[in-house]
Amino acid sequence: MIRARARQRQTPPRRAASAAAMPGPAADATPGAAAGTSLGAAARAATVWPPEVPPVPVRRFSVDEYHRLLDAGILRCGDPYELLHGWIVPKMTANPAHAATLRRLNRWFQRLLGDEFVIGVQQPIALPESVPEPDLWIAAGPEQRYATRHPGPREVLLVVEVSDSRVGTDREVKLPLYASAKLPQYWLVDLVERRLEVYTQPRGGRRPVYRRCVSYTASDELPVELGGASLGRLRLAEIFP
């Protein structure tokens, strides 16, 4: 009996040694792995280090704190980041097709708009918990109004995002963000499908959404309105590369 119990006590160390000899990371070696995480999940989590998404809770920043980071030089104006829902997130790099489409859109609006409107290209706007930098925005003028601050929800008339590989982000993150701030009009330019989606009639609350969406193809003409004023029709073939 004594010998049998001794052999039983020796069994766990032999199993532990065998597990340690297995190739690849062990479950308890995965940084941030929660109790009960399977070996397979832990191994997958350990394939990228440091992880792209923090394995532990991180704090959000207020709009005020975000601006203080900029004022202190911790973040620099022009750095490829924006504040979304309190998170400081990287912006996507523009490829040539993205840049060309944005230039053409900007040129079209510049030809039509007078001093009563202000155009921003990849510049910040100020929302309650976010400081996004849409590819293009149009706000009510005059220009001097924004000498010391960014345009806010009551002044922004249109936001535009040009999407190629990040179209999911612009639909799933940017769209509800702009709807929650009740920005009256959001354009999503989808370069992959060669179409432009116009979102209007924003609804805020716990599930923000635009209640109306009209999709146009590259061969269509888009009637453009800002603040109730008609600006004419935009031939989409002129903006798609």
C-alpha atoms as a PDB file:
ATOM      1  CA  MET A   1       0.000   0.000   0.000  1.00  0.00           C
ATOM      2  CA  ILE A   2       2.762   2.419   0.885  1.00  0.00           C
ATOM      3  CA  ARG A   3       4.551   1.724  -2.385  1.00  0.00           C
ATOM      4  CA  ALA A   4       1.348   2.219  -4.405  1.00  0.00           C
ATOM      5  CA  ARG A   5       0.705   5.618  -2.807  1.00  0.00           C
ATOM      6  CA  ALA A   6       4.284   6.631  -3.491  1.00  0.00           C
ATOM      7  CA  ARG A   7       3.890   5.781  -7.153  1.00  0.00           C
ATOM      8  CA  GLN A   8       0.662   7.817  -7.311  1.00  0.00           C
ATOM      9  CA  ARG A   9       2.420  10.825  -5.821  1.00  0.00           C
ATOM     10  CA  GLN A  10       5.126  10.574  -8.459  1.00  0.00           C
ATOM     11  CA  THR A  11       2.677  10.524 -11.394  1.00  0.00           C
ATOM     12  CA  PRO A  12       1.812  14.287 -11.586  1.00  0.00           C
ATOM     13  CA  PRO A  13       5.481  15.416 -11.833  1.00  0.00           C
ATOM     14  CA  ARG A  14       6.019  12.998 -14.734  1.00  0.00           C
ATOM     15  CA  ARG A  15       2.973  14.422 -16.570  1.00  0.00           C
ATOM     16  CA  ALA A  16       4.135  17.988 -15.946  1.00  0.00           C
ATOM     17  CA  ALA A  17       7.588  17.176 -17.294  1.00  0.00           C
ATOM     18  CA  SER A  18       6.027  15.599 -20.367  1.00  0.00           C
ATOM     19  CA  ALA A  19       3.874  18.696 -20.990  1.00  0.00           C
ATOM     20  CA  ALA A  20       6.855  20.972 -20.558  1.00  0.00           C
ATOM     21  CA  ALA A  21       8.728  19.003 -23.196  1.00  0.00           C
ATOM     22  CA  MET A  22       5.986  19.534 -25.795  1.00  0.00           C
ATOM     23  CA  PRO A  23       6.894  21.997 -28.565  1.00  0.00           C
ATOM     24  CA  GLY A  24       5.158  25.372 -28.501  1.00  0.00           C
ATOM     25  CA  PRO A  25       4.024  27.559 -25.571  1.00  0.00           C
ATOM     26  CA  ALA A  26       2.220  26.053 -22.612  1.00  0.00           C
ATOM     27  CA  ALA A  27      -1.168  27.404 -21.486  1.00  0.00           C
ATOM     28  CA  ASP A  28       0.151  28.976 -18.289  1.00  0.00           C
ATOM     29  CA  ALA A  29       2.989  30.639 -20.234  1.00  0.00           C
ATOM     30  CA  THR A  30       0.590  32.792 -22.231  1.00  0.00           C
ATOM     31  CA  PRO A  31       0.723  36.396 -20.928  1.00  0.00           C
ATOM     32  CA  GLY A  32      -2.717  37.580 -19.880  1.00  0.00           C
ATOM     33  CA  ALA A  33      -4.372  34.169 -20.434  1.00  0.00           C
ATOM     34  CA  ALA A  34      -7.439  33.770 -18.202  1.00  0.00           C
ATOM     35  CA  ALA A  35      -8.036  30.719 -16.026  1.00  0.00           C
ATOM     36  CA  GLY A  36      -9.768  27.998 -17.980  1.00  0.00           C
ATOM     37  CA  THR A  37      -8.331  29.062 -21.341  1.00  0.00           C
ATOM     38  CA  SER A  38      -7.674  26.020 -23.514  1.00  0.00           C
ATOM     39  CA  LEU A  39      -4.154  25.158 -24.586  1.00  0.00           C
ATOM     40  CA  GLY A  40      -5.081  25.758 -28.228  1.00  0.00           C
ATOM     41  CA  ALA A  41      -6.496  29.240 -27.526  1.00  0.00           C
ATOM     42  CA  ALA A  42      -3.515  30.119 -25.371  1.00  0.00           C
ATOM     43  CA  ALA A  43      -1.112  29.002 -28.081  1.00  0.00           C
ATOM     44  CA  ARG A  44      -2.932  31.093 -30.671  1.00  0.00           C
ATOM     45  CA  ALA A  45      -2.855  34.127 -28.363  1.00  0.00           C
ATOM     46  CA  ALA A  46       0.892  33.699 -27.902  1.00  0.00           C
ATOM     47  CA  THR A  47       1.697  33.660 -31.611  1.00  0.00           C
ATOM     48  CA  VAL A  48       1.796  37.485 -31.672  1.00  0.00           C
ATOM     49  CA  TRP A  49       3.652  39.312 -28.945  1.00  0.00           C
ATOM     50  CA  PRO A  50       3.038  41.965 -27.885  1.00  0.00           C
ATOM     51  CA  PRO A  51      -0.650  41.373 -28.676  1.00  0.00           C
ATOM     52  CA  GLU A  52      -2.404  43.693 -31.109  1.00  0.00           C
ATOM     53  CA  VAL A  53      -5.300  44.062 -28.647  1.00  0.00           C
ATOM     54  CA  PRO A  54      -4.419  44.499 -24.941  1.00  0.00           C
ATOM     55  CA  PRO A  55      -5.233  41.334 -22.942  1.00  0.00           C
ATOM     56  CA  VAL A  56      -6.232  43.449 -19.933  1.00  0.00           C
ATOM     57  CA  PRO A  57      -8.620  46.427 -19.608  1.00  0.00           C
ATOM     58  CA  VAL A  58      -7.199  49.796 -20.701  1.00  0.00           C
ATOM     59  CA  ARG A  59      -8.468  53.281 -19.895  1.00  0.00           C
ATOM     60  CA  ARG A  60     -10.299  55.606 -22.220  1.00  0.00           C
ATOM     61  CA  PHE A  61      -9.264  59.214 -22.780  1.00  0.00           C
ATOM     62  CA  SER A  62     -11.649  62.132 -22.746  1.00  0.00           C
ATOM     63  CA  VAL A  63     -11.576  64.672 -25.564  1.00  0.00           C
ATOM     64  CA  ASP A  64      -9.996  67.112 -23.113  1.00  0.00           C
ATOM     65  CA  GLU A  65      -7.229  64.650 -22.184  1.00  0.00           C
ATOM     66  CA  TYR A  66      -6.598  63.868 -25.836  1.00  0.00           C
ATOM     67  CA  HIS A  67      -6.051  67.558 -26.582  1.00  0.00           C
ATOM     68  CA  ARG A  68      -3.711  67.838 -23.584  1.00  0.00           C
ATOM     69  CA  LEU A  69      -1.628  64.965 -24.990  1.00  0.00           C
ATOM     70  CA  LEU A  70      -1.321  66.981 -28.194  1.00  0.00           C
ATOM     71  CA  ASP A  71      -0.500  70.210 -26.337  1.00  0.00           C
ATOM     72  CA  ALA A  72       2.196  68.413 -24.332  1.00  0.00           C
ATOM     73  CA  GLY A  73       3.787  66.991 -27.479  1.00  0.00           C
ATOM     74  CA  ILE A  74       3.168  63.369 -26.413  1.00  0.00           C
ATOM     75  CA  LEU A  75       1.073  63.094 -29.548  1.00  0.00           C
ATOM     76  CA  ARG A  76       1.967  65.413 -32.408  1.00  0.00           C
ATOM     77  CA  CYS A  77      -0.406  67.119 -34.799  1.00  0.00           C
ATOM     78  CA  GLY A  78      -0.318  65.160 -38.013  1.00  0.00           C
ATOM     79  CA  ASP A  79       0.434  61.830 -36.328  1.00  0.00           C
ATOM     80  CA  PRO A  80      -1.668  59.016 -37.886  1.00  0.00           C
ATOM     81  CA  TYR A  81      -4.029  58.633 -34.923  1.00  0.00           C
ATOM     82  CA  GLU A  82      -7.566  59.673 -34.025  1.00  0.00           C
ATOM     83  CA  LEU A  83      -9.746  59.421 -30.913  1.00  0.00           C
ATOM     84  CA  LEU A  84     -12.777  57.142 -31.336  1.00  0.00           C
ATOM     85  CA  HIS A  85     -15.056  56.516 -28.354  1.00  0.00           C
ATOM     86  CA  GLY A  86     -12.170  57.375 -26.028  1.00  0.00           C
ATOM     87  CA  TRP A  87      -9.664  55.031 -27.702  1.00  0.00           C
ATOM     88  CA  ILE A  88      -6.598  56.375 -29.510  1.00  0.00           C
ATOM     89  CA  VAL A  89      -6.535  54.315 -32.702  1.00  0.00           C
ATOM     90  CA  PRO A  90      -4.252  54.331 -35.778  1.00  0.00           C
ATOM     91  CA  LYS A  91      -5.498  55.737 -39.066  1.00  0.00           C
ATOM     92  CA  MET A  92      -5.224  53.756 -42.280  1.00  0.00           C
ATOM     93  CA  THR A  93      -2.559  54.747 -44.790  1.00  0.00           C
ATOM     94  CA  ALA A  94      -3.999  56.121 -48.046  1.00  0.00           C
ATOM     95  CA  ASN A  95      -3.067  54.225 -51.195  1.00  0.00           C
ATOM     96  CA  PRO A  96      -2.924  56.010 -54.603  1.00  0.00           C
ATOM     97  CA  ALA A  97      -6.574  55.231 -55.517  1.00  0.00           C
ATOM     98  CA  HIS A  98      -7.752  56.544 -52.143  1.00  0.00           C
ATOM     99  CA  ALA A  99      -5.699  59.731 -52.498  1.00  0.00           C
ATOM    100  CA  ALA A 100      -6.846  60.324 -56.099  1.00  0.00           C
ATOM    101  CA  THR A 101     -10.530  59.953 -55.188  1.00  0.00           C
ATOM    102  CA  LEU A 102     -10.144  62.350 -52.280  1.00  0.00           C
ATOM    103  CA  ARG A 103      -8.415  64.958 -54.456  1.00  0.00           C
ATOM    104  CA  ARG A 104     -11.182  64.777 -57.046  1.00  0.00           C
ATOM    105  CA  LEU A 105     -13.924  65.143 -54.444  1.00  0.00           C
ATOM    106  CA  ASN A 106     -12.149  68.082 -52.828  1.00  0.00           C
ATOM    107  CA  ARG A 107     -11.677  69.791 -56.203  1.00  0.00           C
ATOM    108  CA  TRP A 108     -15.371  69.344 -57.066  1.00  0.00           C
ATOM    109  CA  PHE A 109     -16.512  70.949 -53.805  1.00  0.00           C
ATOM    110  CA  GLN A 110     -13.932  73.737 -54.026  1.00  0.00           C
ATOM    111  CA  ARG A 111     -15.365  74.774 -57.410  1.00  0.00           C
ATOM    112  CA  LEU A 112     -18.908  75.014 -56.020  1.00  0.00           C
ATOM    113  CA  LEU A 113     -18.703  76.268 -52.465  1.00  0.00           C
ATOM    114  CA  GLY A 114     -18.328  79.868 -51.402  1.00  0.00           C
ATOM    115  CA  ASP A 115     -17.204  81.421 -48.139  1.00  0.00           C
ATOM    116  CA  GLU A 116     -20.363  80.279 -46.358  1.00  0.00           C
ATOM    117  CA  PHE A 117     -18.893  76.760 -46.203  1.00  0.00           C
ATOM    118  CA  VAL A 118     -15.569  75.397 -44.905  1.00  0.00           C
ATOM    119  CA  ILE A 119     -13.907  72.239 -46.278  1.00  0.00           C
ATOM    120  CA  GLY A 120     -11.578  70.069 -44.214  1.00  0.00           C
ATOM    121  CA  VAL A 121      -9.466  67.241 -45.670  1.00  0.00           C
ATOM    122  CA  GLN A 122      -8.298  64.625 -43.151  1.00  0.00           C
ATOM    123  CA  GLN A 123      -8.636  67.157 -40.349  1.00  0.00           C
ATOM    124  CA  PRO A 124     -10.284  66.739 -36.924  1.00  0.00           C
ATOM    125  CA  ILE A 125     -13.864  67.394 -35.958  1.00  0.00           C
ATOM    126  CA  ALA A 126     -14.967  67.538 -32.322  1.00  0.00           C
ATOM    127  CA  LEU A 127     -17.622  65.058 -31.163  1.00  0.00           C
ATOM    128  CA  PRO A 128     -18.698  64.361 -27.542  1.00  0.00           C
ATOM    129  CA  GLU A 129     -16.318  61.414 -26.919  1.00  0.00           C
ATOM    130  CA  SER A 130     -14.309  61.364 -30.136  1.00  0.00           C
ATOM    131  CA  VAL A 131     -12.003  63.430 -32.320  1.00  0.00           C
ATOM    132  CA  PRO A 132     -12.223  61.636 -35.670  1.00  0.00           C
ATOM    133  CA  GLU A 133     -10.468  62.847 -38.795  1.00  0.00           C
ATOM    134  CA  PRO A 134     -12.787  62.082 -41.722  1.00  0.00           C
ATOM    135  CA  ASP A 135     -11.295  61.993 -45.182  1.00  0.00           C
ATOM    136  CA  LEU A 136     -13.366  65.077 -45.989  1.00  0.00           C
ATOM    137  CA  TRP A 137     -15.865  67.209 -44.121  1.00  0.00           C
ATOM    138  CA  ILE A 138     -17.881  70.323 -44.853  1.00  0.00           C
ATOM    139  CA  ALA A 139     -19.020  72.685 -42.115  1.00  0.00           C
ATOM    140  CA  ALA A 140     -20.931  75.937 -41.968  1.00  0.00           C
ATOM    141  CA  GLY A 141     -18.675  78.979 -42.334  1.00  0.00           C
ATOM    142  CA  PRO A 142     -17.130  81.426 -41.990  1.00  0.00           C
ATOM    143  CA  GLU A 143     -13.557  80.116 -41.753  1.00  0.00           C
ATOM    144  CA  GLN A 144     -12.701  82.361 -38.792  1.00  0.00           C
ATOM    145  CA  ARG A 145     -15.139  80.413 -36.633  1.00  0.00           C
ATOM    146  CA  TYR A 146     -12.640  77.537 -36.447  1.00  0.00           C
ATOM    147  CA  ALA A 147      -9.462  79.507 -35.775  1.00  0.00           C
ATOM    148  CA  THR A 148      -9.307  78.262 -32.161  1.00  0.00           C
ATOM    149  CA  ARG A 149     -11.407  75.075 -32.205  1.00  0.00           C
ATOM    150  CA  HIS A 150     -12.593  72.232 -34.414  1.00  0.00           C
ATOM    151  CA  PRO A 151     -16.093  72.115 -35.925  1.00  0.00           C
ATOM    152  CA  GLY A 152     -18.682  70.379 -33.765  1.00  0.00           C
ATOM    153  CA  PRO A 153     -21.882  68.415 -34.453  1.00  0.00           C
ATOM    154  CA  ARG A 154     -24.056  71.498 -34.907  1.00  0.00           C
ATOM    155  CA  GLU A 155     -21.740  72.867 -37.601  1.00  0.00           C
ATOM    156  CA  VAL A 156     -20.676  69.793 -39.592  1.00  0.00           C
ATOM    157  CA  LEU A 157     -22.996  69.310 -42.576  1.00  0.00           C
ATOM    158  CA  LEU A 158     -21.282  66.407 -44.319  1.00  0.00           C
ATOM    159  CA  VAL A 159     -18.597  63.815 -43.549  1.00  0.00           C
ATOM    160  CA  VAL A 160     -17.004  61.602 -46.200  1.00  0.00           C
ATOM    161  CA  GLU A 161     -14.934  58.448 -45.786  1.00  0.00           C
ATOM    162  CA  VAL A 162     -13.155  56.902 -48.769  1.00  0.00           C
ATOM    163  CA  SER A 163     -12.790  53.163 -48.233  1.00  0.00           C
ATOM    164  CA  ASP A 164     -10.813  50.403 -49.867  1.00  0.00           C
ATOM    165  CA  SER A 165      -9.640  47.677 -47.496  1.00  0.00           C
ATOM    166  CA  ARG A 166     -11.238  49.274 -44.411  1.00  0.00           C
ATOM    167  CA  VAL A 167     -14.830  49.511 -45.638  1.00  0.00           C
ATOM    168  CA  GLY A 168     -15.994  47.357 -42.709  1.00  0.00           C
ATOM    169  CA  THR A 169     -14.541  49.829 -40.215  1.00  0.00           C
ATOM    170  CA  ASP A 170     -16.224  52.773 -41.924  1.00  0.00           C
ATOM    171  CA  ARG A 171     -19.593  50.991 -41.782  1.00  0.00           C
ATOM    172  CA  GLU A 172     -19.352  49.376 -38.363  1.00  0.00           C
ATOM    173  CA  VAL A 173     -17.391  52.023 -36.426  1.00  0.00           C
ATOM    174  CA  LYS A 174     -17.564  55.371 -38.204  1.00  0.00           C
ATOM    175  CA  LEU A 175     -21.214  55.151 -39.293  1.00  0.00           C
ATOM    176  CA  PRO A 176     -22.721  54.714 -35.782  1.00  0.00           C
ATOM    177  CA  LEU A 177     -20.221  57.261 -34.443  1.00  0.00           C
ATOM    178  CA  TYR A 178     -21.431  59.927 -36.879  1.00  0.00           C
ATOM    179  CA  ALA A 179     -25.079  58.928 -36.392  1.00  0.00           C
ATOM    180  CA  SER A 180     -24.771  59.193 -32.599  1.00  0.00           C
ATOM    181  CA  ALA A 181     -23.524  62.780 -33.016  1.00  0.00           C
ATOM    182  CA  LYS A 182     -26.454  63.365 -35.424  1.00  0.00           C
ATOM    183  CA  LEU A 183     -24.272  64.561 -38.263  1.00  0.00           C
ATOM    184  CA  PRO A 184     -26.886  65.105 -40.972  1.00  0.00           C
ATOM    185  CA  GLN A 185     -25.123  63.418 -43.888  1.00  0.00           C
ATOM    186  CA  TYR A 186     -22.462  60.724 -44.253  1.00  0.00           C
ATOM    187  CA  TRP A 187     -20.971  59.576 -47.557  1.00  0.00           C
ATOM    188  CA  LEU A 188     -19.182  56.238 -47.765  1.00  0.00           C
ATOM    189  CA  VAL A 189     -17.166  55.947 -50.978  1.00  0.00           C
ATOM    190  CA  ASP A 190     -16.530  52.241 -51.568  1.00  0.00           C
ATOM    191  CA  LEU A 191     -13.641  51.922 -54.009  1.00  0.00           C
ATOM    192  CA  VAL A 192     -13.818  48.119 -54.107  1.00  0.00           C
ATOM    193  CA  GLU A 193     -17.460  47.970 -55.239  1.00  0.00           C
ATOM    194  CA  ARG A 194     -17.231  51.355 -57.040  1.00  0.00           C
ATOM    195  CA  ARG A 195     -20.257  52.843 -55.378  1.00  0.00           C
ATOM    196  CA  LEU A 196     -21.123  55.737 -53.099  1.00  0.00           C
ATOM    197  CA  GLU A 197     -23.554  55.276 -50.208  1.00  0.00           C
ATOM    198  CA  VAL A 198     -25.375  58.371 -48.923  1.00  0.00           C
ATOM    199  CA  TYR A 199     -26.619  58.102 -45.326  1.00  0.00           C
ATOM    200  CA  THR A 200     -29.131  60.628 -43.960  1.00  0.00           C
ATOM    201  CA  GLN A 201     -31.707  60.974 -41.171  1.00  0.00           C
ATOM    202  CA  PRO A 202     -29.455  60.094 -38.205  1.00  0.00           C
ATOM    203  CA  ARG A 203     -30.904  58.643 -35.021  1.00  0.00           C
ATOM    204  CA  GLY A 204     -28.902  58.691 -31.789  1.00  0.00           C
ATOM    205  CA  GLY A 205     -29.491  56.769 -28.577  1.00  0.00           C
ATOM    206  CA  ARG A 206     -28.159  53.374 -27.555  1.00  0.00           C
ATOM    207  CA  ARG A 207     -28.239  52.011 -31.112  1.00  0.00           C
ATOM    208  CA  PRO A 208     -27.331  54.940 -33.362  1.00  0.00           C
ATOM    209  CA  VAL A 209     -28.079  54.509 -37.039  1.00  0.00           C
ATOM    210  CA  TYR A 210     -28.890  56.426 -40.196  1.00  0.00           C
ATOM    211  CA  ARG A 211     -32.481  55.626 -41.116  1.00  0.00           C
ATOM    212  CA  ARG A 212     -32.034  56.280 -44.834  1.00  0.00           C
ATOM    213  CA  CYS A 213     -29.357  55.005 -47.211  1.00  0.00           C
ATOM    214  CA  VAL A 214     -29.234  55.474 -50.984  1.00  0.00           C
ATOM    215  CA  SER A 215     -26.532  53.692 -52.964  1.00  0.00           C
ATOM    216  CA  TYR A 216     -25.163  55.057 -56.261  1.00  0.00           C
ATOM    217  CA  THR A 217     -22.941  53.292 -58.776  1.00  0.00           C
ATOM    218  CA  ALA A 218     -19.986  54.808 -60.616  1.00  0.00           C
ATOM    219  CA  SER A 219     -22.206  55.506 -63.653  1.00  0.00           C
ATOM    220  CA  ASP A 220     -24.800  57.501 -61.671  1.00  0.00           C
ATOM    221  CA  GLU A 221     -25.213  61.202 -60.966  1.00  0.00           C
ATOM    222  CA  LEU A 222     -25.595  62.164 -57.314  1.00  0.00           C
ATOM    223  CA  PRO A 223     -27.821  65.130 -56.370  1.00  0.00           C
ATOM    224  CA  VAL A 224     -25.867  67.066 -53.743  1.00  0.00           C
ATOM    225  CA  GLU A 225     -27.540  69.079 -50.989  1.00  0.00           C
ATOM    226  CA  LEU A 226     -25.957  70.828 -48.019  1.00  0.00           C
ATOM    227  CA  GLY A 227     -27.940  72.532 -45.298  1.00  0.00           C
ATOM    228  CA  GLY A 228     -31.061  72.411 -47.459  1.00  0.00           C
ATOM    229  CA  ALA A 229     -29.334  74.079 -50.423  1.00  0.00           C
ATOM    230  CA  SER A 230     -28.940  72.244 -53.737  1.00  0.00           C
ATOM    231  CA  LEU A 231     -25.401  72.292 -55.141  1.00  0.00           C
ATOM    232  CA  GLY A 232     -26.099  70.449 -58.369  1.00  0.00           C
ATOM    233  CA  ARG A 233     -25.313  66.911 -59.493  1.00  0.00           C
ATOM    234  CA  LEU A 234     -22.026  65.071 -59.106  1.00  0.00           C
ATOM    235  CA  ARG A 235     -21.105  62.665 -61.912  1.00  0.00           C
ATOM    236  CA  LEU A 236     -19.535  59.817 -59.944  1.00  0.00           C
ATOM    237  CA  ALA A 237     -17.491  58.679 -62.937  1.00  0.00           C
ATOM    238  CA  GLU A 238     -15.452  61.852 -62.359  1.00  0.00           C
ATOM    239  CA  ILE A 239     -14.331  60.839 -58.870  1.00  0.00           C
ATOM    240  CA  PHE A 240     -13.711  57.111 -59.125  1.00  0.00           C
ATOM    241  CA  PRO A 241     -10.179  56.230 -60.316  1.00  0.00           C
END
